[in-house]
Amino acid sequence: MTEIASPHISRPRILVHGVMRGRPGNPPFRIMEVDGRVVGAARTVTDVLEVAAAYGITVHDLDDPDVVRWVGGDKFTWTPH
């Protein structure tokens, strides 16, 4: 297999992990990483955009896997299954 024939695997700057249950009385959340480092928890898609902006990342399309990778759901997944 040559390099040209190999699949492109992107490494997005933002990684949003699957939904975690919060403590009783607290809402569920998703752990966020930027550039491979855990930077906090997001409870809404707005939190993801705010964290991205704080790290100087402009997100034009939340569905672009080269910018944001969603694990265990997508931008609409904010409750545990």
PDB file of N, CA and C in Angstrom:
ATOM      1  N   MET A   1       0.845  -1.172   0.000  1.00  0.00           N
ATOM      2  CA  MET A   1       0.000   0.000   0.000  1.00  0.00           C
ATOM      3  C   MET A   1       0.893   1.238   0.000  1.00  0.00           C
ATOM      4  N   THR A   2       0.616   2.152  -0.857  1.00  0.00           N
ATOM      5  CA  THR A   2       1.392   3.379  -0.914  1.00  0.00           C
ATOM      6  C   THR A   2       0.749   4.447  -0.044  1.00  0.00           C
ATOM      7  N   GLU A   3       1.493   5.509   0.199  1.00  0.00           N
ATOM      8  CA  GLU A   3       0.940   6.590   1.008  1.00  0.00           C
ATOM      9  C   GLU A   3      -0.292   7.199   0.370  1.00  0.00           C
ATOM     10  N   ILE A   4      -0.294   7.336  -0.926  1.00  0.00           N
ATOM     11  CA  ILE A   4      -1.427   7.933  -1.620  1.00  0.00           C
ATOM     12  C   ILE A   4      -2.673   7.065  -1.467  1.00  0.00           C
ATOM     13  N   ALA A   5      -2.499   5.760  -1.423  1.00  0.00           N
ATOM     14  CA  ALA A   5      -3.641   4.861  -1.298  1.00  0.00           C
ATOM     15  C   ALA A   5      -4.120   4.725   0.144  1.00  0.00           C
ATOM     16  N   SER A   6      -3.332   5.194   1.098  1.00  0.00           N
ATOM     17  CA  SER A   6      -3.740   5.051   2.493  1.00  0.00           C
ATOM     18  C   SER A   6      -4.807   6.084   2.834  1.00  0.00           C
ATOM     19  N   PRO A   7      -5.701   5.740   3.753  1.00  0.00           N
ATOM     20  CA  PRO A   7      -6.777   6.679   4.119  1.00  0.00           C
ATOM     21  C   PRO A   7      -6.232   7.872   4.888  1.00  0.00           C
ATOM     22  N   HIS A   8      -6.898   9.008   4.742  1.00  0.00           N
ATOM     23  CA  HIS A   8      -6.524  10.218   5.475  1.00  0.00           C
ATOM     24  C   HIS A   8      -7.115  10.134   6.876  1.00  0.00           C
ATOM     25  N   ILE A   9      -6.262  10.257   7.861  1.00  0.00           N
ATOM     26  CA  ILE A   9      -6.727  10.251   9.246  1.00  0.00           C
ATOM     27  C   ILE A   9      -6.389  11.626   9.824  1.00  0.00           C
ATOM     28  N   SER A  10      -7.426  12.394  10.081  1.00  0.00           N
ATOM     29  CA  SER A  10      -7.196  13.740  10.595  1.00  0.00           C
ATOM     30  C   SER A  10      -6.985  13.707  12.098  1.00  0.00           C
ATOM     31  N   ARG A  11      -6.309  14.682  12.587  1.00  0.00           N
ATOM     32  CA  ARG A  11      -6.120  14.861  14.019  1.00  0.00           C
ATOM     33  C   ARG A  11      -6.676  16.234  14.364  1.00  0.00           C
ATOM     34  N   PRO A  12      -7.970  16.289  14.684  1.00  0.00           N
ATOM     35  CA  PRO A  12      -8.578  17.589  14.965  1.00  0.00           C
ATOM     36  C   PRO A  12      -8.017  18.190  16.245  1.00  0.00           C
ATOM     37  N   ARG A  13      -8.063  19.504  16.329  1.00  0.00           N
ATOM     38  CA  ARG A  13      -7.571  20.187  17.527  1.00  0.00           C
ATOM     39  C   ARG A  13      -8.513  19.978  18.696  1.00  0.00           C
ATOM     40  N   ILE A  14      -9.820  19.779  18.421  1.00  0.00           N
ATOM     41  CA  ILE A  14     -10.815  19.648  19.480  1.00  0.00           C
ATOM     42  C   ILE A  14     -11.385  18.234  19.489  1.00  0.00           C
ATOM     43  N   LEU A  15     -11.405  17.624  20.657  1.00  0.00           N
ATOM     44  CA  LEU A  15     -12.001  16.307  20.840  1.00  0.00           C
ATOM     45  C   LEU A  15     -13.027  16.428  21.962  1.00  0.00           C
ATOM     46  N   VAL A  16     -14.264  16.038  21.664  1.00  0.00           N
ATOM     47  CA  VAL A  16     -15.337  16.092  22.663  1.00  0.00           C
ATOM     48  C   VAL A  16     -15.742  14.648  22.962  1.00  0.00           C
ATOM     49  N   HIS A  17     -15.484  14.209  24.185  1.00  0.00           N
ATOM     50  CA  HIS A  17     -15.757  12.830  24.590  1.00  0.00           C
ATOM     51  C   HIS A  17     -17.249  12.600  24.811  1.00  0.00           C
ATOM     52  N   GLY A  18     -17.615  11.343  25.027  1.00  0.00           N
ATOM     53  CA  GLY A  18     -19.004  10.965  25.245  1.00  0.00           C
ATOM     54  C   GLY A  18     -19.582  11.559  26.521  1.00  0.00           C
ATOM     55  N   VAL A  19     -20.894  11.514  26.607  1.00  0.00           N
ATOM     56  CA  VAL A  19     -21.618  12.109  27.733  1.00  0.00           C
ATOM     57  C   VAL A  19     -21.356  11.319  29.012  1.00  0.00           C
ATOM     58  N   MET A  20     -21.081  12.051  30.081  1.00  0.00           N
ATOM     59  CA  MET A  20     -20.870  11.464  31.402  1.00  0.00           C
ATOM     60  C   MET A  20     -22.006  11.936  32.299  1.00  0.00           C
ATOM     61  N   ARG A  21     -22.427  11.083  33.196  1.00  0.00           N
ATOM     62  CA  ARG A  21     -23.465  11.473  34.156  1.00  0.00           C
ATOM     63  C   ARG A  21     -22.841  12.389  35.210  1.00  0.00           C
ATOM     64  N   GLY A  22     -23.538  13.469  35.500  1.00  0.00           N
ATOM     65  CA  GLY A  22     -23.085  14.366  36.559  1.00  0.00           C
ATOM     66  C   GLY A  22     -23.478  13.802  37.916  1.00  0.00           C
ATOM     67  N   ARG A  23     -22.994  14.403  38.953  1.00  0.00           N
ATOM     68  CA  ARG A  23     -23.423  14.022  40.300  1.00  0.00           C
ATOM     69  C   ARG A  23     -24.909  14.297  40.429  1.00  0.00           C
ATOM     70  N   PRO A  24     -25.562  13.684  41.372  1.00  0.00           N
ATOM     71  CA  PRO A  24     -26.984  13.976  41.562  1.00  0.00           C
ATOM     72  C   PRO A  24     -27.207  15.489  41.710  1.00  0.00           C
ATOM     73  N   GLY A  25     -28.139  16.001  40.936  1.00  0.00           N
ATOM     74  CA  GLY A  25     -28.435  17.426  40.963  1.00  0.00           C
ATOM     75  C   GLY A  25     -27.624  18.242  39.970  1.00  0.00           C
ATOM     76  N   ASN A  26     -26.600  17.638  39.352  1.00  0.00           N
ATOM     77  CA  ASN A  26     -25.789  18.329  38.351  1.00  0.00           C
ATOM     78  C   ASN A  26     -26.081  17.748  36.970  1.00  0.00           C
ATOM     79  N   PRO A  27     -26.052  18.571  35.935  1.00  0.00           N
ATOM     80  CA  PRO A  27     -26.356  18.077  34.592  1.00  0.00           C
ATOM     81  C   PRO A  27     -25.223  17.209  34.040  1.00  0.00           C
ATOM     82  N   PRO A  28     -25.540  16.369  33.047  1.00  0.00           N
ATOM     83  CA  PRO A  28     -24.501  15.588  32.393  1.00  0.00           C
ATOM     84  C   PRO A  28     -23.522  16.513  31.659  1.00  0.00           C
ATOM     85  N   PHE A  29     -22.345  15.989  31.345  1.00  0.00           N
ATOM     86  CA  PHE A  29     -21.318  16.801  30.699  1.00  0.00           C
ATOM     87  C   PHE A  29     -20.472  15.934  29.767  1.00  0.00           C
ATOM     88  N   ARG A  30     -19.652  16.595  28.969  1.00  0.00           N
ATOM     89  CA  ARG A  30     -18.718  15.921  28.074  1.00  0.00           C
ATOM     90  C   ARG A  30     -17.338  16.533  28.293  1.00  0.00           C
ATOM     91  N   ILE A  31     -16.348  15.675  28.503  1.00  0.00           N
ATOM     92  CA  ILE A  31     -14.973  16.125  28.678  1.00  0.00           C
ATOM     93  C   ILE A  31     -14.449  16.632  27.333  1.00  0.00           C
ATOM     94  N   MET A  32     -13.729  17.743  27.354  1.00  0.00           N
ATOM     95  CA  MET A  32     -13.153  18.320  26.140  1.00  0.00           C
ATOM     96  C   MET A  32     -11.634  18.285  26.194  1.00  0.00           C
ATOM     97  N   GLU A  33     -11.047  18.003  25.039  1.00  0.00           N
ATOM     98  CA  GLU A  33      -9.605  18.111  24.871  1.00  0.00           C
ATOM     99  C   GLU A  33      -9.323  19.105  23.757  1.00  0.00           C
ATOM    100  N   VAL A  34      -8.259  19.879  23.930  1.00  0.00           N
ATOM    101  CA  VAL A  34      -7.752  20.747  22.874  1.00  0.00           C
ATOM    102  C   VAL A  34      -6.271  20.431  22.719  1.00  0.00           C
ATOM    103  N   ASP A  35      -5.883  20.123  21.498  1.00  0.00           N
ATOM    104  CA  ASP A  35      -4.491  19.779  21.199  1.00  0.00           C
ATOM    105  C   ASP A  35      -3.972  18.660  22.101  1.00  0.00           C
ATOM    106  N   GLY A  36      -4.838  17.682  22.396  1.00  0.00           N
ATOM    107  CA  GLY A  36      -4.431  16.512  23.169  1.00  0.00           C
ATOM    108  C   GLY A  36      -4.424  16.697  24.678  1.00  0.00           C
ATOM    109  N   ARG A  37      -4.846  17.865  25.161  1.00  0.00           N
ATOM    110  CA  ARG A  37      -4.871  18.111  26.604  1.00  0.00           C
ATOM    111  C   ARG A  37      -6.298  18.317  27.077  1.00  0.00           C
ATOM    112  N   VAL A  38      -6.658  17.688  28.192  1.00  0.00           N
ATOM    113  CA  VAL A  38      -7.983  17.885  28.774  1.00  0.00           C
ATOM    114  C   VAL A  38      -8.055  19.328  29.273  1.00  0.00           C
ATOM    115  N   VAL A  39      -9.100  20.031  28.824  1.00  0.00           N
ATOM    116  CA  VAL A  39      -9.226  21.447  29.182  1.00  0.00           C
ATOM    117  C   VAL A  39     -10.475  21.754  29.994  1.00  0.00           C
ATOM    118  N   GLY A  40     -11.365  20.782  30.130  1.00  0.00           N
ATOM    119  CA  GLY A  40     -12.559  21.039  30.930  1.00  0.00           C
ATOM    120  C   GLY A  40     -13.738  20.220  30.479  1.00  0.00           C
ATOM    121  N   ALA A  41     -14.903  20.624  30.979  1.00  0.00           N
ATOM    122  CA  ALA A  41     -16.145  19.919  30.680  1.00  0.00           C
ATOM    123  C   ALA A  41     -17.099  20.857  29.970  1.00  0.00           C
ATOM    124  N   ALA A  42     -17.819  20.317  29.003  1.00  0.00           N
ATOM    125  CA  ALA A  42     -18.835  21.082  28.277  1.00  0.00           C
ATOM    126  C   ALA A  42     -20.198  20.502  28.624  1.00  0.00           C
ATOM    127  N   ARG A  43     -21.162  21.373  28.848  1.00  0.00           N
ATOM    128  CA  ARG A  43     -22.530  20.937  29.110  1.00  0.00           C
ATOM    129  C   ARG A  43     -23.451  21.247  27.948  1.00  0.00           C
ATOM    130  N   THR A  44     -22.973  22.097  27.025  1.00  0.00           N
ATOM    131  CA  THR A  44     -23.742  22.465  25.842  1.00  0.00           C
ATOM    132  C   THR A  44     -22.783  22.692  24.682  1.00  0.00           C
ATOM    133  N   VAL A  45     -23.337  22.764  23.483  1.00  0.00           N
ATOM    134  CA  VAL A  45     -22.516  23.049  22.317  1.00  0.00           C
ATOM    135  C   VAL A  45     -21.928  24.456  22.412  1.00  0.00           C
ATOM    136  N   THR A  46     -22.605  25.357  23.084  1.00  0.00           N
ATOM    137  CA  THR A  46     -22.079  26.709  23.289  1.00  0.00           C
ATOM    138  C   THR A  46     -20.788  26.658  24.098  1.00  0.00           C
ATOM    139  N   ASP A  47     -20.725  25.765  25.089  1.00  0.00           N
ATOM    140  CA  ASP A  47     -19.493  25.603  25.867  1.00  0.00           C
ATOM    141  C   ASP A  47     -18.337  25.187  24.966  1.00  0.00           C
ATOM    142  N   VAL A  48     -18.608  24.303  24.015  1.00  0.00           N
ATOM    143  CA  VAL A  48     -17.569  23.848  23.085  1.00  0.00           C
ATOM    144  C   VAL A  48     -17.039  25.034  22.286  1.00  0.00           C
ATOM    145  N   LEU A  49     -17.937  25.863  21.786  1.00  0.00           N
ATOM    146  CA  LEU A  49     -17.528  27.029  21.002  1.00  0.00           C
ATOM    147  C   LEU A  49     -16.759  28.040  21.856  1.00  0.00           C
ATOM    148  N   GLU A  50     -17.176  28.230  23.099  1.00  0.00           N
ATOM    149  CA  GLU A  50     -16.477  29.168  23.981  1.00  0.00           C
ATOM    150  C   GLU A  50     -15.074  28.687  24.309  1.00  0.00           C
ATOM    151  N   VAL A  51     -14.914  27.405  24.564  1.00  0.00           N
ATOM    152  CA  VAL A  51     -13.585  26.858  24.845  1.00  0.00           C
ATOM    153  C   VAL A  51     -12.709  26.979  23.597  1.00  0.00           C
ATOM    154  N   ALA A  52     -13.266  26.653  22.442  1.00  0.00           N
ATOM    155  CA  ALA A  52     -12.505  26.782  21.194  1.00  0.00           C
ATOM    156  C   ALA A  52     -12.005  28.216  21.026  1.00  0.00           C
ATOM    157  N   ALA A  53     -12.879  29.184  21.237  1.00  0.00           N
ATOM    158  CA  ALA A  53     -12.500  30.590  21.093  1.00  0.00           C
ATOM    159  C   ALA A  53     -11.415  30.972  22.098  1.00  0.00           C
ATOM    160  N   ALA A  54     -11.520  30.454  23.312  1.00  0.00           N
ATOM    161  CA  ALA A  54     -10.522  30.761  24.340  1.00  0.00           C
ATOM    162  C   ALA A  54      -9.135  30.260  23.941  1.00  0.00           C
ATOM    163  N   TYR A  55      -9.079  29.204  23.129  1.00  0.00           N
ATOM    164  CA  TYR A  55      -7.810  28.656  22.658  1.00  0.00           C
ATOM    165  C   TYR A  55      -7.454  29.157  21.257  1.00  0.00           C
ATOM    166  N   GLY A  56      -8.183  30.165  20.785  1.00  0.00           N
ATOM    167  CA  GLY A  56      -7.871  30.761  19.497  1.00  0.00           C
ATOM    168  C   GLY A  56      -8.285  29.945  18.298  1.00  0.00           C
ATOM    169  N   ILE A  57      -9.243  29.053  18.484  1.00  0.00           N
ATOM    170  CA  ILE A  57      -9.716  28.197  17.396  1.00  0.00           C
ATOM    171  C   ILE A  57     -11.057  28.718  16.908  1.00  0.00           C
ATOM    172  N   THR A  58     -11.117  29.054  15.630  1.00  0.00           N
ATOM    173  CA  THR A  58     -12.374  29.480  15.034  1.00  0.00           C
ATOM    174  C   THR A  58     -13.051  28.261  14.433  1.00  0.00           C
ATOM    175  N   VAL A  59     -14.266  27.987  14.862  1.00  0.00           N
ATOM    176  CA  VAL A  59     -15.019  26.839  14.369  1.00  0.00           C
ATOM    177  C   VAL A  59     -16.117  27.358  13.445  1.00  0.00           C
ATOM    178  N   HIS A  60     -15.987  27.041  12.165  1.00  0.00           N
ATOM    179  CA  HIS A  60     -17.005  27.447  11.193  1.00  0.00           C
ATOM    180  C   HIS A  60     -18.056  26.359  11.007  1.00  0.00           C
ATOM    181  N   ASP A  61     -17.645  25.106  11.221  1.00  0.00           N
ATOM    182  CA  ASP A  61     -18.542  23.975  10.986  1.00  0.00           C
ATOM    183  C   ASP A  61     -18.300  22.918  12.057  1.00  0.00           C
ATOM    184  N   LEU A  62     -19.252  22.751  12.971  1.00  0.00           N
ATOM    185  CA  LEU A  62     -19.109  21.759  14.041  1.00  0.00           C
ATOM    186  C   LEU A  62     -19.150  20.325  13.525  1.00  0.00           C
ATOM    187  N   ASP A  63     -19.530  20.137  12.276  1.00  0.00           N
ATOM    188  CA  ASP A  63     -19.580  18.796  11.691  1.00  0.00           C
ATOM    189  C   ASP A  63     -18.320  18.461  10.894  1.00  0.00           C
ATOM    190  N   ASP A  64     -17.341  19.361  10.881  1.00  0.00           N
ATOM    191  CA  ASP A  64     -16.097  19.119  10.149  1.00  0.00           C
ATOM    192  C   ASP A  64     -15.160  18.281  11.013  1.00  0.00           C
ATOM    193  N   PRO A  65     -14.929  17.017  10.653  1.00  0.00           N
ATOM    194  CA  PRO A  65     -14.097  16.137  11.488  1.00  0.00           C
ATOM    195  C   PRO A  65     -12.628  16.546  11.530  1.00  0.00           C
ATOM    196  N   ASP A  66     -12.208  17.452  10.648  1.00  0.00           N
ATOM    197  CA  ASP A  66     -10.842  17.962  10.709  1.00  0.00           C
ATOM    198  C   ASP A  66     -10.691  19.036  11.786  1.00  0.00           C
ATOM    199  N   VAL A  67     -11.809  19.533  12.305  1.00  0.00           N
ATOM    200  CA  VAL A  67     -11.779  20.576  13.333  1.00  0.00           C
ATOM    201  C   VAL A  67     -12.233  20.031  14.683  1.00  0.00           C
ATOM    202  N   VAL A  68     -13.368  19.327  14.697  1.00  0.00           N
ATOM    203  CA  VAL A  68     -13.937  18.791  15.939  1.00  0.00           C
ATOM    204  C   VAL A  68     -14.253  17.317  15.738  1.00  0.00           C
ATOM    205  N   ARG A  69     -13.819  16.487  16.680  1.00  0.00           N
ATOM    206  CA  ARG A  69     -14.207  15.079  16.660  1.00  0.00           C
ATOM    207  C   ARG A  69     -15.114  14.833  17.845  1.00  0.00           C
ATOM    208  N   TRP A  70     -16.311  14.308  17.553  1.00  0.00           N
ATOM    209  CA  TRP A  70     -17.312  13.994  18.565  1.00  0.00           C
ATOM    210  C   TRP A  70     -17.249  12.494  18.846  1.00  0.00           C
ATOM    211  N   VAL A  71     -17.053  12.108  20.083  1.00  0.00           N
ATOM    212  CA  VAL A  71     -16.973  10.704  20.469  1.00  0.00           C
ATOM    213  C   VAL A  71     -18.242  10.354  21.242  1.00  0.00           C
ATOM    214  N   GLY A  72     -18.896   9.277  20.878  1.00  0.00           N
ATOM    215  CA  GLY A  72     -20.084   8.843  21.612  1.00  0.00           C
ATOM    216  C   GLY A  72     -21.297   9.708  21.361  1.00  0.00           C
ATOM    217  N   GLY A  73     -21.406  10.229  20.180  1.00  0.00           N
ATOM    218  CA  GLY A  73     -22.541  11.070  19.827  1.00  0.00           C
ATOM    219  C   GLY A  73     -22.074  12.240  18.983  1.00  0.00           C
ATOM    220  N   ASP A  74     -22.990  13.144  18.715  1.00  0.00           N
ATOM    221  CA  ASP A  74     -22.644  14.302  17.907  1.00  0.00           C
ATOM    222  C   ASP A  74     -22.940  15.581  18.680  1.00  0.00           C
ATOM    223  N   LYS A  75     -22.994  16.690  17.976  1.00  0.00           N
ATOM    224  CA  LYS A  75     -23.211  17.978  18.641  1.00  0.00           C
ATOM    225  C   LYS A  75     -24.581  18.099  19.298  1.00  0.00           C
ATOM    226  N   PHE A  76     -25.493  17.175  18.980  1.00  0.00           N
ATOM    227  CA  PHE A  76     -26.828  17.196  19.573  1.00  0.00           C
ATOM    228  C   PHE A  76     -26.963  16.230  20.759  1.00  0.00           C
ATOM    229  N   THR A  77     -25.917  15.495  21.081  1.00  0.00           N
ATOM    230  CA  THR A  77     -25.951  14.477  22.141  1.00  0.00           C
ATOM    231  C   THR A  77     -25.444  15.058  23.445  1.00  0.00           C
ATOM    232  N   TRP A  78     -26.359  15.354  24.362  1.00  0.00           N
ATOM    233  CA  TRP A  78     -25.979  15.949  25.646  1.00  0.00           C
ATOM    234  C   TRP A  78     -26.626  15.240  26.832  1.00  0.00           C
ATOM    235  N   THR A  79     -27.269  14.096  26.595  1.00  0.00           N
ATOM    236  CA  THR A  79     -27.827  13.311  27.695  1.00  0.00           C
ATOM    237  C   THR A  79     -27.306  11.885  27.576  1.00  0.00           C
ATOM    238  N   PRO A  80     -27.066  11.227  28.712  1.00  0.00           N
ATOM    239  CA  PRO A  80     -26.573   9.839  28.668  1.00  0.00           C
ATOM    240  C   PRO A  80     -27.650   8.902  28.124  1.00  0.00           C
ATOM    241  N   HIS A  81     -27.204   7.831  27.509  1.00  0.00           N
ATOM    242  CA  HIS A  81     -28.136   6.846  26.937  1.00  0.00           C
ATOM    243  C   HIS A  81     -28.407   5.732  27.916  1.00  0.00           C
TER     244      HIS A  81
END
